[in-house]
Amino acid sequence: MALVDGGRGRGEGAARGVGYLLRTQGRDGRWTDPVFNGTGFPRVFYLRYHLYPTIFPLWALATYRNALGPGTH
């Protein structure tokens, strides 16, 4: 998303990121995040936001597609 917003959405880095997301997407359409993805108090407790592994990849793919137009993988 940062590459697209920074005007580098047509570069190889953004394309590689999209490729990674598409390769790692599960058959059910989701991505997994096996570790905690938020901090409560470091070394005391950590948080796990269960929708983060779905929301952020979808958001990134939508940002890429909307910036480059339909037909973009």
PDB file of N, CA and C in Angstrom:
ATOM      1  N   MET A   1       0.830  -1.185   0.000  1.00  0.00           N
ATOM      2  CA  MET A   1       0.000   0.000   0.000  1.00  0.00           C
ATOM      3  C   MET A   1       0.870   1.242   0.000  1.00  0.00           C
ATOM      4  N   ALA A   2       1.965   1.211   0.735  1.00  0.00           N
ATOM      5  CA  ALA A   2       2.851   2.366   0.784  1.00  0.00           C
ATOM      6  C   ALA A   2       3.487   2.621  -0.580  1.00  0.00           C
ATOM      7  N   LEU A   3       3.853   1.561  -1.282  1.00  0.00           N
ATOM      8  CA  LEU A   3       4.444   1.744  -2.608  1.00  0.00           C
ATOM      9  C   LEU A   3       3.441   2.367  -3.568  1.00  0.00           C
ATOM     10  N   VAL A   4       2.214   1.900  -3.539  1.00  0.00           N
ATOM     11  CA  VAL A   4       1.173   2.474  -4.403  1.00  0.00           C
ATOM     12  C   VAL A   4       0.945   3.927  -4.032  1.00  0.00           C
ATOM     13  N   ASP A   5       0.772   4.205  -2.745  1.00  0.00           N
ATOM     14  CA  ASP A   5       0.520   5.579  -2.307  1.00  0.00           C
ATOM     15  C   ASP A   5       1.706   6.498  -2.567  1.00  0.00           C
ATOM     16  N   GLY A   6       2.898   5.923  -2.611  1.00  0.00           N
ATOM     17  CA  GLY A   6       4.100   6.712  -2.888  1.00  0.00           C
ATOM     18  C   GLY A   6       4.425   6.826  -4.363  1.00  0.00           C
ATOM     19  N   GLY A   7       3.514   6.374  -5.228  1.00  0.00           N
ATOM     20  CA  GLY A   7       3.723   6.499  -6.667  1.00  0.00           C
ATOM     21  C   GLY A   7       4.587   5.401  -7.272  1.00  0.00           C
ATOM     22  N   ARG A   8       4.833   4.330  -6.534  1.00  0.00           N
ATOM     23  CA  ARG A   8       5.681   3.245  -7.042  1.00  0.00           C
ATOM     24  C   ARG A   8       4.900   1.944  -7.222  1.00  0.00           C
ATOM     25  N   GLY A   9       3.589   2.080  -7.406  1.00  0.00           N
ATOM     26  CA  GLY A   9       2.730   0.915  -7.550  1.00  0.00           C
ATOM     27  C   GLY A   9       2.988   0.103  -8.797  1.00  0.00           C
ATOM     28  N   ARG A  10       3.598   0.702  -9.798  1.00  0.00           N
ATOM     29  CA  ARG A  10       3.902  -0.029 -11.033  1.00  0.00           C
ATOM     30  C   ARG A  10       5.292  -0.661 -11.009  1.00  0.00           C
ATOM     31  N   GLY A  11       5.993  -0.528  -9.910  1.00  0.00           N
ATOM     32  CA  GLY A  11       7.339  -1.069  -9.805  1.00  0.00           C
ATOM     33  C   GLY A  11       7.352  -2.548  -9.445  1.00  0.00           C
ATOM     34  N   GLU A  12       8.545  -3.115  -9.528  1.00  0.00           N
ATOM     35  CA  GLU A  12       8.705  -4.542  -9.257  1.00  0.00           C
ATOM     36  C   GLU A  12       8.404  -4.887  -7.801  1.00  0.00           C
ATOM     37  N   GLY A  13       8.722  -4.004  -6.876  1.00  0.00           N
ATOM     38  CA  GLY A  13       8.473  -4.281  -5.464  1.00  0.00           C
ATOM     39  C   GLY A  13       7.001  -4.494  -5.166  1.00  0.00           C
ATOM     40  N   ALA A  14       6.150  -3.637  -5.711  1.00  0.00           N
ATOM     41  CA  ALA A  14       4.708  -3.792  -5.497  1.00  0.00           C
ATOM     42  C   ALA A  14       4.205  -5.071  -6.157  1.00  0.00           C
ATOM     43  N   ALA A  15       4.677  -5.359  -7.344  1.00  0.00           N
ATOM     44  CA  ALA A  15       4.257  -6.581  -8.042  1.00  0.00           C
ATOM     45  C   ALA A  15       4.692  -7.820  -7.264  1.00  0.00           C
ATOM     46  N   ARG A  16       5.893  -7.793  -6.697  1.00  0.00           N
ATOM     47  CA  ARG A  16       6.366  -8.932  -5.891  1.00  0.00           C
ATOM     48  C   ARG A  16       5.524  -9.088  -4.633  1.00  0.00           C
ATOM     49  N   GLY A  17       5.146  -7.982  -4.024  1.00  0.00           N
ATOM     50  CA  GLY A  17       4.295  -8.042  -2.830  1.00  0.00           C
ATOM     51  C   GLY A  17       2.935  -8.638  -3.143  1.00  0.00           C
ATOM     52  N   VAL A  18       2.355  -8.226  -4.257  1.00  0.00           N
ATOM     53  CA  VAL A  18       1.067  -8.783  -4.679  1.00  0.00           C
ATOM     54  C   VAL A  18       1.218 -10.272  -4.980  1.00  0.00           C
ATOM     55  N   GLY A  19       2.290 -10.647  -5.645  1.00  0.00           N
ATOM     56  CA  GLY A  19       2.539 -12.055  -5.924  1.00  0.00           C
ATOM     57  C   GLY A  19       2.635 -12.877  -4.651  1.00  0.00           C
ATOM     58  N   TYR A  20       3.320 -12.330  -3.654  1.00  0.00           N
ATOM     59  CA  TYR A  20       3.429 -13.021  -2.370  1.00  0.00           C
ATOM     60  C   TYR A  20       2.062 -13.217  -1.735  1.00  0.00           C
ATOM     61  N   LEU A  21       1.257 -12.164  -1.730  1.00  0.00           N
ATOM     62  CA  LEU A  21      -0.076 -12.276  -1.132  1.00  0.00           C
ATOM     63  C   LEU A  21      -0.919 -13.317  -1.858  1.00  0.00           C
ATOM     64  N   LEU A  22      -0.848 -13.325  -3.168  1.00  0.00           N
ATOM     65  CA  LEU A  22      -1.638 -14.300  -3.931  1.00  0.00           C
ATOM     66  C   LEU A  22      -1.137 -15.725  -3.709  1.00  0.00           C
ATOM     67  N   ARG A  23       0.167 -15.910  -3.579  1.00  0.00           N
ATOM     68  CA  ARG A  23       0.723 -17.251  -3.349  1.00  0.00           C
ATOM     69  C   ARG A  23       0.407 -17.788  -1.966  1.00  0.00           C
ATOM     70  N   THR A  24       0.315 -16.901  -0.983  1.00  0.00           N
ATOM     71  CA  THR A  24       0.138 -17.351   0.396  1.00  0.00           C
ATOM     72  C   THR A  24      -1.316 -17.352   0.846  1.00  0.00           C
ATOM     73  N   GLN A  25      -2.216 -16.948  -0.019  1.00  0.00           N
ATOM     74  CA  GLN A  25      -3.638 -16.968   0.318  1.00  0.00           C
ATOM     75  C   GLN A  25      -4.119 -18.419   0.386  1.00  0.00           C
ATOM     76  N   GLY A  26      -4.850 -18.739   1.422  1.00  0.00           N
ATOM     77  CA  GLY A  26      -5.350 -20.091   1.594  1.00  0.00           C
ATOM     78  C   GLY A  26      -6.507 -20.400   0.650  1.00  0.00           C
ATOM     79  N   ARG A  27      -6.845 -21.655   0.596  1.00  0.00           N
ATOM     80  CA  ARG A  27      -7.954 -22.092  -0.268  1.00  0.00           C
ATOM     81  C   ARG A  27      -9.275 -21.464   0.155  1.00  0.00           C
ATOM     82  N   ASP A  28      -9.376 -21.113   1.421  1.00  0.00           N
ATOM     83  CA  ASP A  28     -10.597 -20.490   1.932  1.00  0.00           C
ATOM     84  C   ASP A  28     -10.605 -18.971   1.721  1.00  0.00           C
ATOM     85  N   GLY A  29      -9.569 -18.443   1.070  1.00  0.00           N
ATOM     86  CA  GLY A  29      -9.492 -17.015   0.793  1.00  0.00           C
ATOM     87  C   GLY A  29      -8.825 -16.206   1.884  1.00  0.00           C
ATOM     88  N   ARG A  30      -8.374 -16.863   2.926  1.00  0.00           N
ATOM     89  CA  ARG A  30      -7.767 -16.152   4.048  1.00  0.00           C
ATOM     90  C   ARG A  30      -6.257 -16.341   4.087  1.00  0.00           C
ATOM     91  N   TRP A  31      -5.625 -15.559   4.919  1.00  0.00           N
ATOM     92  CA  TRP A  31      -4.202 -15.688   5.217  1.00  0.00           C
ATOM     93  C   TRP A  31      -4.093 -16.051   6.684  1.00  0.00           C
ATOM     94  N   THR A  32      -2.991 -16.643   7.079  1.00  0.00           N
ATOM     95  CA  THR A  32      -2.808 -16.990   8.486  1.00  0.00           C
ATOM     96  C   THR A  32      -1.691 -16.157   9.084  1.00  0.00           C
ATOM     97  N   ASP A  33      -1.791 -15.956  10.361  1.00  0.00           N
ATOM     98  CA  ASP A  33      -0.768 -15.243  11.123  1.00  0.00           C
ATOM     99  C   ASP A  33      -0.596 -16.014  12.423  1.00  0.00           C
ATOM    100  N   PRO A  34       0.383 -16.917  12.477  1.00  0.00           N
ATOM    101  CA  PRO A  34       0.492 -17.820  13.620  1.00  0.00           C
ATOM    102  C   PRO A  34       0.993 -17.189  14.914  1.00  0.00           C
ATOM    103  N   VAL A  35       1.465 -15.958  14.856  1.00  0.00           N
ATOM    104  CA  VAL A  35       1.985 -15.324  16.072  1.00  0.00           C
ATOM    105  C   VAL A  35       1.087 -14.162  16.475  1.00  0.00           C
ATOM    106  N   PHE A  36       1.341 -13.622  17.633  1.00  0.00           N
ATOM    107  CA  PHE A  36       0.587 -12.457  18.092  1.00  0.00           C
ATOM    108  C   PHE A  36       0.877 -11.283  17.168  1.00  0.00           C
ATOM    109  N   ASN A  37      -0.111 -10.436  16.920  1.00  0.00           N
ATOM    110  CA  ASN A  37       0.080  -9.331  15.997  1.00  0.00           C
ATOM    111  C   ASN A  37      -0.202  -7.978  16.637  1.00  0.00           C
ATOM    112  N   GLY A  38      -0.221  -7.927  17.946  1.00  0.00           N
ATOM    113  CA  GLY A  38      -0.379  -6.664  18.649  1.00  0.00           C
ATOM    114  C   GLY A  38       0.277  -6.764  20.015  1.00  0.00           C
ATOM    115  N   THR A  39       0.655  -5.645  20.567  1.00  0.00           N
ATOM    116  CA  THR A  39       1.265  -5.672  21.898  1.00  0.00           C
ATOM    117  C   THR A  39       0.303  -5.090  22.910  1.00  0.00           C
ATOM    118  N   GLY A  40       0.219  -5.719  24.049  1.00  0.00           N
ATOM    119  CA  GLY A  40      -0.501  -5.164  25.181  1.00  0.00           C
ATOM    120  C   GLY A  40       0.525  -4.436  26.020  1.00  0.00           C
ATOM    121  N   PHE A  41       1.231  -5.198  26.837  1.00  0.00           N
ATOM    122  CA  PHE A  41       2.383  -4.713  27.560  1.00  0.00           C
ATOM    123  C   PHE A  41       3.514  -5.677  27.241  1.00  0.00           C
ATOM    124  N   PRO A  42       4.538  -5.225  26.542  1.00  0.00           N
ATOM    125  CA  PRO A  42       5.631  -6.138  26.177  1.00  0.00           C
ATOM    126  C   PRO A  42       6.129  -6.936  27.378  1.00  0.00           C
ATOM    127  N   ARG A  43       6.337  -8.210  27.141  1.00  0.00           N
ATOM    128  CA  ARG A  43       6.793  -9.194  28.125  1.00  0.00           C
ATOM    129  C   ARG A  43       5.747  -9.520  29.184  1.00  0.00           C
ATOM    130  N   VAL A  44       4.579  -8.883  29.127  1.00  0.00           N
ATOM    131  CA  VAL A  44       3.518  -9.178  30.088  1.00  0.00           C
ATOM    132  C   VAL A  44       2.372  -9.901  29.379  1.00  0.00           C
ATOM    133  N   PHE A  45       1.814  -9.278  28.338  1.00  0.00           N
ATOM    134  CA  PHE A  45       0.804  -9.943  27.528  1.00  0.00           C
ATOM    135  C   PHE A  45       0.785  -9.346  26.134  1.00  0.00           C
ATOM    136  N   TYR A  46       0.338 -10.148  25.203  1.00  0.00           N
ATOM    137  CA  TYR A  46       0.275  -9.755  23.797  1.00  0.00           C
ATOM    138  C   TYR A  46      -1.136  -9.991  23.293  1.00  0.00           C
ATOM    139  N   LEU A  47      -1.480  -9.304  22.245  1.00  0.00           N
ATOM    140  CA  LEU A  47      -2.822  -9.386  21.684  1.00  0.00           C
ATOM    141  C   LEU A  47      -2.810 -10.104  20.345  1.00  0.00           C
ATOM    142  N   ARG A  48      -3.941 -10.667  20.031  1.00  0.00           N
ATOM    143  CA  ARG A  48      -4.096 -11.288  18.721  1.00  0.00           C
ATOM    144  C   ARG A  48      -5.398 -10.777  18.118  1.00  0.00           C
ATOM    145  N   TYR A  49      -5.272 -10.001  17.071  1.00  0.00           N
ATOM    146  CA  TYR A  49      -6.427  -9.485  16.361  1.00  0.00           C
ATOM    147  C   TYR A  49      -6.724 -10.463  15.226  1.00  0.00           C
ATOM    148  N   HIS A  50      -7.773 -11.223  15.378  1.00  0.00           N
ATOM    149  CA  HIS A  50      -8.045 -12.345  14.479  1.00  0.00           C
ATOM    150  C   HIS A  50      -8.353 -11.934  13.041  1.00  0.00           C
ATOM    151  N   LEU A  51      -8.848 -10.749  12.829  1.00  0.00           N
ATOM    152  CA  LEU A  51      -9.162 -10.325  11.459  1.00  0.00           C
ATOM    153  C   LEU A  51      -8.006  -9.621  10.760  1.00  0.00           C
ATOM    154  N   TYR A  52      -6.948  -9.255  11.476  1.00  0.00           N
ATOM    155  CA  TYR A  52      -5.819  -8.582  10.841  1.00  0.00           C
ATOM    156  C   TYR A  52      -5.247  -9.354   9.653  1.00  0.00           C
ATOM    157  N   PRO A  53      -5.062 -10.683   9.770  1.00  0.00           N
ATOM    158  CA  PRO A  53      -4.486 -11.411   8.636  1.00  0.00           C
ATOM    159  C   PRO A  53      -5.396 -11.456   7.414  1.00  0.00           C
ATOM    160  N   THR A  54      -6.634 -11.063   7.556  1.00  0.00           N
ATOM    161  CA  THR A  54      -7.545 -11.020   6.405  1.00  0.00           C
ATOM    162  C   THR A  54      -7.720  -9.590   5.903  1.00  0.00           C
ATOM    163  N   ILE A  55      -7.916  -8.670   6.816  1.00  0.00           N
ATOM    164  CA  ILE A  55      -8.214  -7.288   6.437  1.00  0.00           C
ATOM    165  C   ILE A  55      -7.052  -6.636   5.689  1.00  0.00           C
ATOM    166  N   PHE A  56      -5.855  -6.718   6.233  1.00  0.00           N
ATOM    167  CA  PHE A  56      -4.744  -5.987   5.638  1.00  0.00           C
ATOM    168  C   PHE A  56      -4.304  -6.527   4.279  1.00  0.00           C
ATOM    169  N   PRO A  57      -4.234  -7.839   4.077  1.00  0.00           N
ATOM    170  CA  PRO A  57      -3.919  -8.319   2.723  1.00  0.00           C
ATOM    171  C   PRO A  57      -4.982  -7.916   1.699  1.00  0.00           C
ATOM    172  N   LEU A  58      -6.265  -8.015   2.069  1.00  0.00           N
ATOM    173  CA  LEU A  58      -7.321  -7.606   1.140  1.00  0.00           C
ATOM    174  C   LEU A  58      -7.246  -6.123   0.829  1.00  0.00           C
ATOM    175  N   TRP A  59      -6.963  -5.348   1.819  1.00  0.00           N
ATOM    176  CA  TRP A  59      -6.832  -3.902   1.644  1.00  0.00           C
ATOM    177  C   TRP A  59      -5.674  -3.589   0.693  1.00  0.00           C
ATOM    178  N   ALA A  60      -4.554  -4.270   0.887  1.00  0.00           N
ATOM    179  CA  ALA A  60      -3.400  -4.053   0.012  1.00  0.00           C
ATOM    180  C   ALA A  60      -3.705  -4.457  -1.429  1.00  0.00           C
ATOM    181  N   LEU A  61      -4.362  -5.593  -1.621  1.00  0.00           N
ATOM    182  CA  LEU A  61      -4.706  -6.026  -2.983  1.00  0.00           C
ATOM    183  C   LEU A  61      -5.687  -5.059  -3.640  1.00  0.00           C
ATOM    184  N   ALA A  62      -6.649  -4.582  -2.874  1.00  0.00           N
ATOM    185  CA  ALA A  62      -7.621  -3.623  -3.421  1.00  0.00           C
ATOM    186  C   ALA A  62      -6.949  -2.304  -3.779  1.00  0.00           C
ATOM    187  N   THR A  63      -6.033  -1.850  -2.949  1.00  0.00           N
ATOM    188  CA  THR A  63      -5.308  -0.608  -3.234  1.00  0.00           C
ATOM    189  C   THR A  63      -4.514  -0.739  -4.520  1.00  0.00           C
ATOM    190  N   TYR A  64      -3.840  -1.862  -4.676  1.00  0.00           N
ATOM    191  CA  TYR A  64      -3.041  -2.128  -5.885  1.00  0.00           C
ATOM    192  C   TYR A  64      -3.937  -2.166  -7.118  1.00  0.00           C
ATOM    193  N   ARG A  65      -5.010  -2.939  -7.042  1.00  0.00           N
ATOM    194  CA  ARG A  65      -5.907  -3.070  -8.192  1.00  0.00           C
ATOM    195  C   ARG A  65      -6.554  -1.729  -8.544  1.00  0.00           C
ATOM    196  N   ASN A  66      -7.026  -0.991  -7.563  1.00  0.00           N
ATOM    197  CA  ASN A  66      -7.671   0.292  -7.833  1.00  0.00           C
ATOM    198  C   ASN A  66      -6.702   1.302  -8.430  1.00  0.00           C
ATOM    199  N   ALA A  67      -5.453   1.247  -8.028  1.00  0.00           N
ATOM    200  CA  ALA A  67      -4.464   2.184  -8.550  1.00  0.00           C
ATOM    201  C   ALA A  67      -4.061   1.851  -9.975  1.00  0.00           C
ATOM    202  N   LEU A  68      -3.998   0.557 -10.292  1.00  0.00           N
ATOM    203  CA  LEU A  68      -3.510   0.154 -11.620  1.00  0.00           C
ATOM    204  C   LEU A  68      -4.622  -0.192 -12.597  1.00  0.00           C
ATOM    205  N   GLY A  69      -5.831  -0.336 -12.111  1.00  0.00           N
ATOM    206  CA  GLY A  69      -6.956  -0.589 -12.991  1.00  0.00           C
ATOM    207  C   GLY A  69      -7.331  -2.054 -13.091  1.00  0.00           C
ATOM    208  N   PRO A  70      -8.503  -2.345 -13.643  1.00  0.00           N
ATOM    209  CA  PRO A  70      -8.961  -3.724 -13.793  1.00  0.00           C
ATOM    210  C   PRO A  70      -8.007  -4.539 -14.654  1.00  0.00           C
ATOM    211  N   GLY A  71      -7.994  -5.824 -14.412  1.00  0.00           N
ATOM    212  CA  GLY A  71      -7.122  -6.707 -15.180  1.00  0.00           C
ATOM    213  C   GLY A  71      -5.746  -6.867 -14.558  1.00  0.00           C
ATOM    214  N   THR A  72      -5.471  -6.110 -13.495  1.00  0.00           N
ATOM    215  CA  THR A  72      -4.201  -6.224 -12.796  1.00  0.00           C
ATOM    216  C   THR A  72      -4.285  -7.408 -11.858  1.00  0.00           C
ATOM    217  N   HIS A  73      -3.292  -8.291 -11.882  1.00  0.00           N
ATOM    218  CA  HIS A  73      -3.372  -9.443 -10.970  1.00  0.00           C
ATOM    219  C   HIS A  73      -2.925  -9.076  -9.583  1.00  0.00           C
TER     220      HIS A  73
END
